[in-house]
Every structure is written in structure tokens, then in C-alpha cells.
PDB file of N, CA and C in Angstrom:
ATOM      1  N   UNK A   1      21.647 122.464  25.741  1.00  0.00           N
ATOM      2  CA  UNK A   1      21.841 123.949  25.380  1.00  0.00           C
ATOM      3  C   UNK A   1      23.008 123.894  24.087  1.00  0.00           C
ATOM      4  N   UNK A   2      23.167 122.654  23.568  1.00  0.00           N
ATOM      5  CA  UNK A   2      23.893 122.266  22.709  1.00  0.00           C
ATOM      6  C   UNK A   2      23.472 123.186  21.412  1.00  0.00           C
ATOM      7  N   UNK A   3      22.020 122.905  20.966  1.00  0.00           N
ATOM      8  CA  UNK A   3      21.578 123.797  19.838  1.00  0.00           C
ATOM      9  C   UNK A   3      21.406 125.145  20.084  1.00  0.00           C
ATOM     10  N   UNK A   4      21.462 125.599  21.146  1.00  0.00           N
ATOM     11  CA  UNK A   4      21.323 127.117  21.447  1.00  0.00           C
ATOM     12  C   UNK A   4      22.668 128.018  21.034  1.00  0.00           C
ATOM     13  N   UNK A   5      23.907 127.035  21.479  1.00  0.00           N
ATOM     14  CA  UNK A   5      25.085 127.715  21.283  1.00  0.00           C
ATOM     15  C   UNK A   5      25.440 127.589  19.859  1.00  0.00           C
ATOM     16  N   UNK A   6      25.277 126.522  19.149  1.00  0.00           N
ATOM     17  CA  UNK A   6      25.292 126.423  17.849  1.00  0.00           C
ATOM     18  C   UNK A   6      24.709 127.439  16.752  1.00  0.00           C
ATOM     19  N   UNK A   7      23.625 127.538  17.261  1.00  0.00           N
ATOM     20  CA  UNK A   7      22.563 128.634  16.467  1.00  0.00           C
ATOM     21  C   UNK A   7      23.132 129.937  16.491  1.00  0.00           C
ATOM     22  N   UNK A   8      24.012 130.143  17.465  1.00  0.00           N
ATOM     23  CA  UNK A   8      24.588 131.528  17.481  1.00  0.00           C
ATOM     24  C   UNK A   8      25.615 131.658  16.219  1.00  0.00           C
ATOM     25  N   UNK A   9      26.015 130.812  15.565  1.00  0.00           N
ATOM     26  CA  UNK A   9      26.677 130.905  14.375  1.00  0.00           C
ATOM     27  C   UNK A   9      26.194 130.698  13.166  1.00  0.00           C
ATOM     28  N   UNK A  10      24.714 130.483  12.963  1.00  0.00           N
ATOM     29  CA  UNK A  10      23.921 130.353  11.623  1.00  0.00           C
ATOM     30  C   UNK A  10      23.747 131.788  11.395  1.00  0.00           C
ATOM     31  N   UNK A  11      23.941 131.895   9.965  1.00  0.00           N
ATOM     32  CA  UNK A  11      23.961 133.034   9.312  1.00  0.00           C
ATOM     33  C   UNK A  11      22.471 133.630   9.017  1.00  0.00           C
ATOM     34  N   UNK A  12      21.443 132.814   8.927  1.00  0.00           N
ATOM     35  CA  UNK A  12      20.079 133.317   8.859  1.00  0.00           C
ATOM     36  C   UNK A  12      19.189 132.376   9.895  1.00  0.00           C
ATOM     37  N   UNK A  13      18.148 133.059  10.081  1.00  0.00           N
ATOM     38  CA  UNK A  13      17.086 132.412  10.840  1.00  0.00           C
ATOM     39  C   UNK A  13      16.682 131.126  10.463  1.00  0.00           C
ATOM     40  N   UNK A  14      16.328 130.986   8.956  1.00  0.00           N
ATOM     41  CA  UNK A  14      15.959 129.660   8.504  1.00  0.00           C
ATOM     42  C   UNK A  14      17.246 128.457   8.383  1.00  0.00           C
ATOM     43  N   UNK A  15      18.332 129.096   8.443  1.00  0.00           N
ATOM     44  CA  UNK A  15      19.586 128.251   8.879  1.00  0.00           C
ATOM     45  C   UNK A  15      19.272 127.669  10.142  1.00  0.00           C
ATOM     46  N   UNK A  16      19.357 128.335  11.108  1.00  0.00           N
ATOM     47  CA  UNK A  16      19.161 128.253  12.592  1.00  0.00           C
ATOM     48  C   UNK A  16      18.002 127.327  12.574  1.00  0.00           C
ATOM     49  N   UNK A  17      16.932 127.330  12.207  1.00  0.00           N
ATOM     50  CA  UNK A  17      15.701 126.561  12.385  1.00  0.00           C
ATOM     51  C   UNK A  17      16.030 125.185  11.641  1.00  0.00           C
ATOM     52  N   UNK A  18      16.641 125.172  10.592  1.00  0.00           N
ATOM     53  CA  UNK A  18      16.989 123.803   9.925  1.00  0.00           C
ATOM     54  C   UNK A  18      17.963 123.076  10.650  1.00  0.00           C
ATOM     55  N   UNK A  19      18.665 123.741  11.222  1.00  0.00           N
ATOM     56  CA  UNK A  19      20.045 122.821  12.320  1.00  0.00           C
ATOM     57  C   UNK A  19      19.113 122.453  13.258  1.00  0.00           C
ATOM     58  N   UNK A  20      18.239 123.155  13.960  1.00  0.00           N
ATOM     59  CA  UNK A  20      17.499 122.713  15.085  1.00  0.00           C
ATOM     60  C   UNK A  20      16.586 121.560  14.845  1.00  0.00           C
ATOM     61  N   UNK A  21      16.187 121.536  13.464  1.00  0.00           N
ATOM     62  CA  UNK A  21      15.194 120.411  13.219  1.00  0.00           C
ATOM     63  C   UNK A  21      16.009 119.139  12.950  1.00  0.00           C
ATOM     64  N   UNK A  22      17.532 119.341  12.427  1.00  0.00           N
ATOM     65  CA  UNK A  22      18.412 118.176  12.222  1.00  0.00           C
ATOM     66  C   UNK A  22      18.732 117.574  13.680  1.00  0.00           C
ATOM     67  N   UNK A  23      19.036 118.501  14.605  1.00  0.00           N
ATOM     68  CA  UNK A  23      19.317 118.155  16.011  1.00  0.00           C
ATOM     69  C   UNK A  23      18.528 117.323  16.755  1.00  0.00           C
ATOM     70  N   UNK A  24      17.278 117.788  16.415  1.00  0.00           N
ATOM     71  CA  UNK A  24      16.090 117.325  17.206  1.00  0.00           C
ATOM     72  C   UNK A  24      15.696 115.752  16.533  1.00  0.00           C
ATOM     73  N   UNK A  25      15.916 115.745  15.245  1.00  0.00           N
ATOM     74  CA  UNK A  25      15.705 114.288  14.694  1.00  0.00           C
ATOM     75  C   UNK A  25      16.816 113.390  15.093  1.00  0.00           C
ATOM     76  N   UNK A  26      18.060 113.792  15.199  1.00  0.00           N
ATOM     77  CA  UNK A  26      19.074 112.870  15.853  1.00  0.00           C
ATOM     78  C   UNK A  26      18.788 112.719  17.279  1.00  0.00           C
ATOM     79  N   UNK A  27      18.530 113.484  18.026  1.00  0.00           N
ATOM     80  CA  UNK A  27      18.281 113.326  19.508  1.00  0.00           C
ATOM     81  C   UNK A  27      17.237 112.467  19.722  1.00  0.00           C
ATOM     82  N   UNK A  28      15.896 112.428  18.769  1.00  0.00           N
ATOM     83  CA  UNK A  28      14.811 111.590  18.990  1.00  0.00           C
ATOM     84  C   UNK A  28      15.358 110.330  18.379  1.00  0.00           C
ATOM     85  N   UNK A  29      16.208 109.992  17.520  1.00  0.00           N
ATOM     86  CA  UNK A  29      16.742 108.667  17.157  1.00  0.00           C
ATOM     87  C   UNK A  29      17.354 108.101  18.165  1.00  0.00           C
ATOM     88  N   UNK A  30      18.491 108.927  18.800  1.00  0.00           N
ATOM     89  CA  UNK A  30      19.155 108.178  20.088  1.00  0.00           C
ATOM     90  C   UNK A  30      18.392 107.979  21.067  1.00  0.00           C
ATOM     91  N   UNK A  31      17.162 108.549  21.438  1.00  0.00           N
ATOM     92  CA  UNK A  31      16.382 108.326  22.514  1.00  0.00           C
ATOM     93  C   UNK A  31      15.577 106.822  22.253  1.00  0.00           C
ATOM     94  N   UNK A  32      15.464 106.649  20.921  1.00  0.00           N
ATOM     95  CA  UNK A  32      14.647 105.546  20.219  1.00  0.00           C
ATOM     96  C   UNK A  32      15.748 104.380  20.134  1.00  0.00           C
ATOM     97  N   UNK A  33      16.821 104.150  20.563  1.00  0.00           N
ATOM     98  CA  UNK A  33      17.765 103.367  20.365  1.00  0.00           C
ATOM     99  C   UNK A  33      18.129 102.931  18.928  1.00  0.00           C
ATOM    100  N   UNK A  34      18.148 104.300  18.136  1.00  0.00           N
ATOM    101  CA  UNK A  34      18.564 104.246  16.795  1.00  0.00           C
ATOM    102  C   UNK A  34      19.801 104.729  16.551  1.00  0.00           C
ATOM    103  N   UNK A  35      20.544 104.177  15.759  1.00  0.00           N
ATOM    104  CA  UNK A  35      22.046 104.724  15.515  1.00  0.00           C
ATOM    105  C   UNK A  35      21.955 105.781  14.727  1.00  0.00           C
ATOM    106  N   UNK A  36      22.337 107.121  14.897  1.00  0.00           N
ATOM    107  CA  UNK A  36      21.951 108.193  14.385  1.00  0.00           C
ATOM    108  C   UNK A  36      22.462 108.201  12.838  1.00  0.00           C
ATOM    109  N   UNK A  37      23.891 107.812  12.499  1.00  0.00           N
ATOM    110  CA  UNK A  37      24.070 107.852  11.174  1.00  0.00           C
ATOM    111  C   UNK A  37      23.497 107.036  10.396  1.00  0.00           C
ATOM    112  N   UNK A  38      23.378 105.739  10.706  1.00  0.00           N
ATOM    113  CA  UNK A  38      22.521 104.712   9.898  1.00  0.00           C
ATOM    114  C   UNK A  38      20.865 105.106   9.796  1.00  0.00           C
ATOM    115  N   UNK A  39      20.411 105.863  10.876  1.00  0.00           N
ATOM    116  CA  UNK A  39      19.033 106.088  10.712  1.00  0.00           C
ATOM    117  C   UNK A  39      18.837 107.193   9.583  1.00  0.00           C
ATOM    118  N   UNK A  40      19.774 108.001   9.889  1.00  0.00           N
ATOM    119  CA  UNK A  40      19.804 109.159   8.705  1.00  0.00           C
ATOM    120  C   UNK A  40      20.268 108.849   7.126  1.00  0.00           C
ATOM    121  N   UNK A  41      20.919 107.980   7.155  1.00  0.00           N
ATOM    122  CA  UNK A  41      21.312 107.273   5.823  1.00  0.00           C
ATOM    123  C   UNK A  41      19.912 106.467   5.262  1.00  0.00           C
ATOM    124  N   UNK A  42      19.243 105.855   6.307  1.00  0.00           N
ATOM    125  CA  UNK A  42      18.014 105.390   5.678  1.00  0.00           C
ATOM    126  C   UNK A  42      16.977 106.036   5.378  1.00  0.00           C
ATOM    127  N   UNK A  43      16.984 107.201   5.937  1.00  0.00           N
ATOM    128  CA  UNK A  43      15.952 108.331   5.847  1.00  0.00           C
ATOM    129  C   UNK A  43      16.170 109.090   4.394  1.00  0.00           C
ATOM    130  N   UNK A  44      17.501 109.344   4.078  1.00  0.00           N
ATOM    131  CA  UNK A  44      17.803 110.078   3.035  1.00  0.00           C
ATOM    132  C   UNK A  44      17.763 109.226   1.834  1.00  0.00           C
ATOM    133  N   UNK A  45      18.040 107.801   2.021  1.00  0.00           N
ATOM    134  CA  UNK A  45      17.770 106.910   0.840  1.00  0.00           C
ATOM    135  C   UNK A  45      16.301 106.689   0.430  1.00  0.00           C
ATOM    136  N   UNK A  46      15.521 106.800   1.376  1.00  0.00           N
ATOM    137  CA  UNK A  46      13.980 106.601   1.183  1.00  0.00           C
ATOM    138  C   UNK A  46      13.199 107.837   0.863  1.00  0.00           C
ATOM    139  N   UNK A  47      13.670 108.836   1.164  1.00  0.00           N
ATOM    140  CA  UNK A  47      12.976 110.008   0.815  1.00  0.00           C
ATOM    141  C   UNK A  47      12.460 110.162  -0.653  1.00  0.00           C
ATOM    142  N   UNK A  48      13.574 110.030  -1.482  1.00  0.00           N
ATOM    143  CA  UNK A  48      12.975 110.131  -3.078  1.00  0.00           C
ATOM    144  C   UNK A  48      11.717 109.325  -3.255  1.00  0.00           C
ATOM    145  N   UNK A  49      11.385 108.337  -2.672  1.00  0.00           N
ATOM    146  CA  UNK A  49      10.331 107.333  -2.769  1.00  0.00           C
ATOM    147  C   UNK A  49       9.201 107.823  -2.202  1.00  0.00           C
ATOM    148  N   UNK A  50       9.031 108.764  -1.501  1.00  0.00           N
ATOM    149  CA  UNK A  50       7.734 109.263  -0.722  1.00  0.00           C
ATOM    150  C   UNK A  50       6.920 109.691  -1.473  1.00  0.00           C
ATOM    151  N   UNK A  51       5.782 109.334  -1.381  1.00  0.00           N
ATOM    152  CA  UNK A  51       4.435 109.669  -2.181  1.00  0.00           C
ATOM    153  C   UNK A  51       3.340 110.497  -1.333  1.00  0.00           C
ATOM    154  N   UNK A  52       3.536 110.012  -0.057  1.00  0.00           N
ATOM    155  CA  UNK A  52       2.343 110.705   0.721  1.00  0.00           C
ATOM    156  C   UNK A  52       2.689 110.723   2.095  1.00  0.00           C
ATOM    157  N   UNK A  53       2.004 111.388   2.908  1.00  0.00           N
ATOM    158  CA  UNK A  53       2.259 111.755   4.330  1.00  0.00           C
ATOM    159  C   UNK A  53       2.558 110.641   5.265  1.00  0.00           C
ATOM    160  N   UNK A  54       1.879 109.534   4.859  1.00  0.00           N
ATOM    161  CA  UNK A  54       2.018 108.304   5.562  1.00  0.00           C
ATOM    162  C   UNK A  54       3.372 107.715   5.446  1.00  0.00           C
ATOM    163  N   UNK A  55       4.091 107.908   4.041  1.00  0.00           N
ATOM    164  CA  UNK A  55       5.375 107.174   3.990  1.00  0.00           C
ATOM    165  C   UNK A  55       6.343 108.320   4.641  1.00  0.00           C
ATOM    166  N   UNK A  56       6.045 109.581   4.879  1.00  0.00           N
ATOM    167  CA  UNK A  56       6.812 110.156   5.877  1.00  0.00           C
ATOM    168  C   UNK A  56       6.794 110.026   7.151  1.00  0.00           C
ATOM    169  N   UNK A  57       5.744 109.730   7.552  1.00  0.00           N
ATOM    170  CA  UNK A  57       5.503 109.327   9.078  1.00  0.00           C
ATOM    171  C   UNK A  57       6.031 107.832   9.350  1.00  0.00           C
ATOM    172  N   UNK A  58       6.216 107.032   8.303  1.00  0.00           N
ATOM    173  CA  UNK A  58       6.833 105.904   8.529  1.00  0.00           C
ATOM    174  C   UNK A  58       8.264 106.049   8.732  1.00  0.00           C
ATOM    175  N   UNK A  59       8.979 106.903   8.321  1.00  0.00           N
ATOM    176  CA  UNK A  59      10.249 107.411   8.386  1.00  0.00           C
ATOM    177  C   UNK A  59      10.570 108.183   9.649  1.00  0.00           C
ATOM    178  N   UNK A  60       9.543 108.509  10.536  1.00  0.00           N
ATOM    179  CA  UNK A  60       9.988 109.166  11.645  1.00  0.00           C
ATOM    180  C   UNK A  60      10.680 108.266  12.572  1.00  0.00           C
ATOM    181  N   UNK A  61      11.479 108.642  13.629  1.00  0.00           N
ATOM    182  CA  UNK A  61      12.335 107.891  14.480  1.00  0.00           C
ATOM    183  C   UNK A  61      11.735 107.027  15.587  1.00  0.00           C
ATOM    184  N   UNK A  62      10.503 107.574  15.739  1.00  0.00           N
ATOM    185  CA  UNK A  62       9.746 106.842  16.944  1.00  0.00           C
ATOM    186  C   UNK A  62       8.763 105.923  16.439  1.00  0.00           C
ATOM    187  N   UNK A  63       8.903 105.447  14.942  1.00  0.00           N
ATOM    188  CA  UNK A  63       8.360 104.461  14.460  1.00  0.00           C
ATOM    189  C   UNK A  63       9.075 103.119  15.222  1.00  0.00           C
ATOM    190  N   UNK A  64       8.512 101.706  15.136  1.00  0.00           N
ATOM    191  CA  UNK A  64       9.068 100.857  15.735  1.00  0.00           C
ATOM    192  C   UNK A  64      10.341 100.316  14.985  1.00  0.00           C
ATOM    193  N   UNK A  65      11.227 100.207  15.984  1.00  0.00           N
ATOM    194  CA  UNK A  65      12.910 100.187  15.326  1.00  0.00           C
ATOM    195  C   UNK A  65      12.665  98.843  14.419  1.00  0.00           C
ATOM    196  N   UNK A  66      11.936  97.660  14.685  1.00  0.00           N
ATOM    197  CA  UNK A  66      11.999  96.575  13.911  1.00  0.00           C
ATOM    198  C   UNK A  66      11.650  96.956  12.509  1.00  0.00           C
ATOM    199  N   UNK A  67      10.650  97.805  12.574  1.00  0.00           N
ATOM    200  CA  UNK A  67      10.229  98.388  11.086  1.00  0.00           C
ATOM    201  C   UNK A  67      11.161  99.076  10.316  1.00  0.00           C
ATOM    202  N   UNK A  68      11.978 100.115  11.177  1.00  0.00           N
ATOM    203  CA  UNK A  68      13.041 100.660  10.283  1.00  0.00           C
ATOM    204  C   UNK A  68      14.051  99.816   9.916  1.00  0.00           C
ATOM    205  N   UNK A  69      14.466  98.874  10.814  1.00  0.00           N
ATOM    206  CA  UNK A  69      15.622  98.026  10.310  1.00  0.00           C
ATOM    207  C   UNK A  69      15.204  96.832   8.984  1.00  0.00           C
ATOM    208  N   UNK A  70      14.031  96.600   9.177  1.00  0.00           N
ATOM    209  CA  UNK A  70      13.487  95.947   7.833  1.00  0.00           C
ATOM    210  C   UNK A  70      13.623  96.686   6.680  1.00  0.00           C
ATOM    211  N   UNK A  71      13.357  98.060   6.676  1.00  0.00           N
ATOM    212  CA  UNK A  71      13.490  98.690   5.634  1.00  0.00           C
ATOM    213  C   UNK A  71      14.864  98.959   5.226  1.00  0.00           C
ATOM    214  N   UNK A  72      15.984  98.852   5.999  1.00  0.00           N
ATOM    215  CA  UNK A  72      17.071  99.275   5.726  1.00  0.00           C
ATOM    216  C   UNK A  72      17.911  98.106   5.086  1.00  0.00           C
TER     217      UNK A  72
END
């Protein structure tokens, strides 16, 4: 219920949705044994180079851990 309590303080619905998406991404990274800060750092570094949907899918936290570590 972490997200529900924090969304109480969001100023807008879109802000609450953005926060929920970020929480979901972080929690999914944790479940897949990725360190959240390192994972997000990698994602934000790679996002400017994305050219297609497959590039985005390759950045998702449930991709094989070895693949993410090689890219970092």
C-alpha cells in the first residue's frame, strides 16, 4: 500500500500515474534481482539511443540480468 499512501500527495492524476509507473518499475527490478539505482541509471543512459519498440523492451527489468549487465 506504499503507492496508495504516496499518491495522496500528488497534485494531479497524471502525476500520481507517473509515480505509480516508477514504483512499479523499481519493484519489478527488485523482484528480478536488479539493484534499482543501477538499473534506473542504465535505463536513463540508454533511453536517448532508443529507435524502436524492441530497444525499449530490451530495457525492461524482466529481461535476463546478464543482458542488462553487459549493456551497463
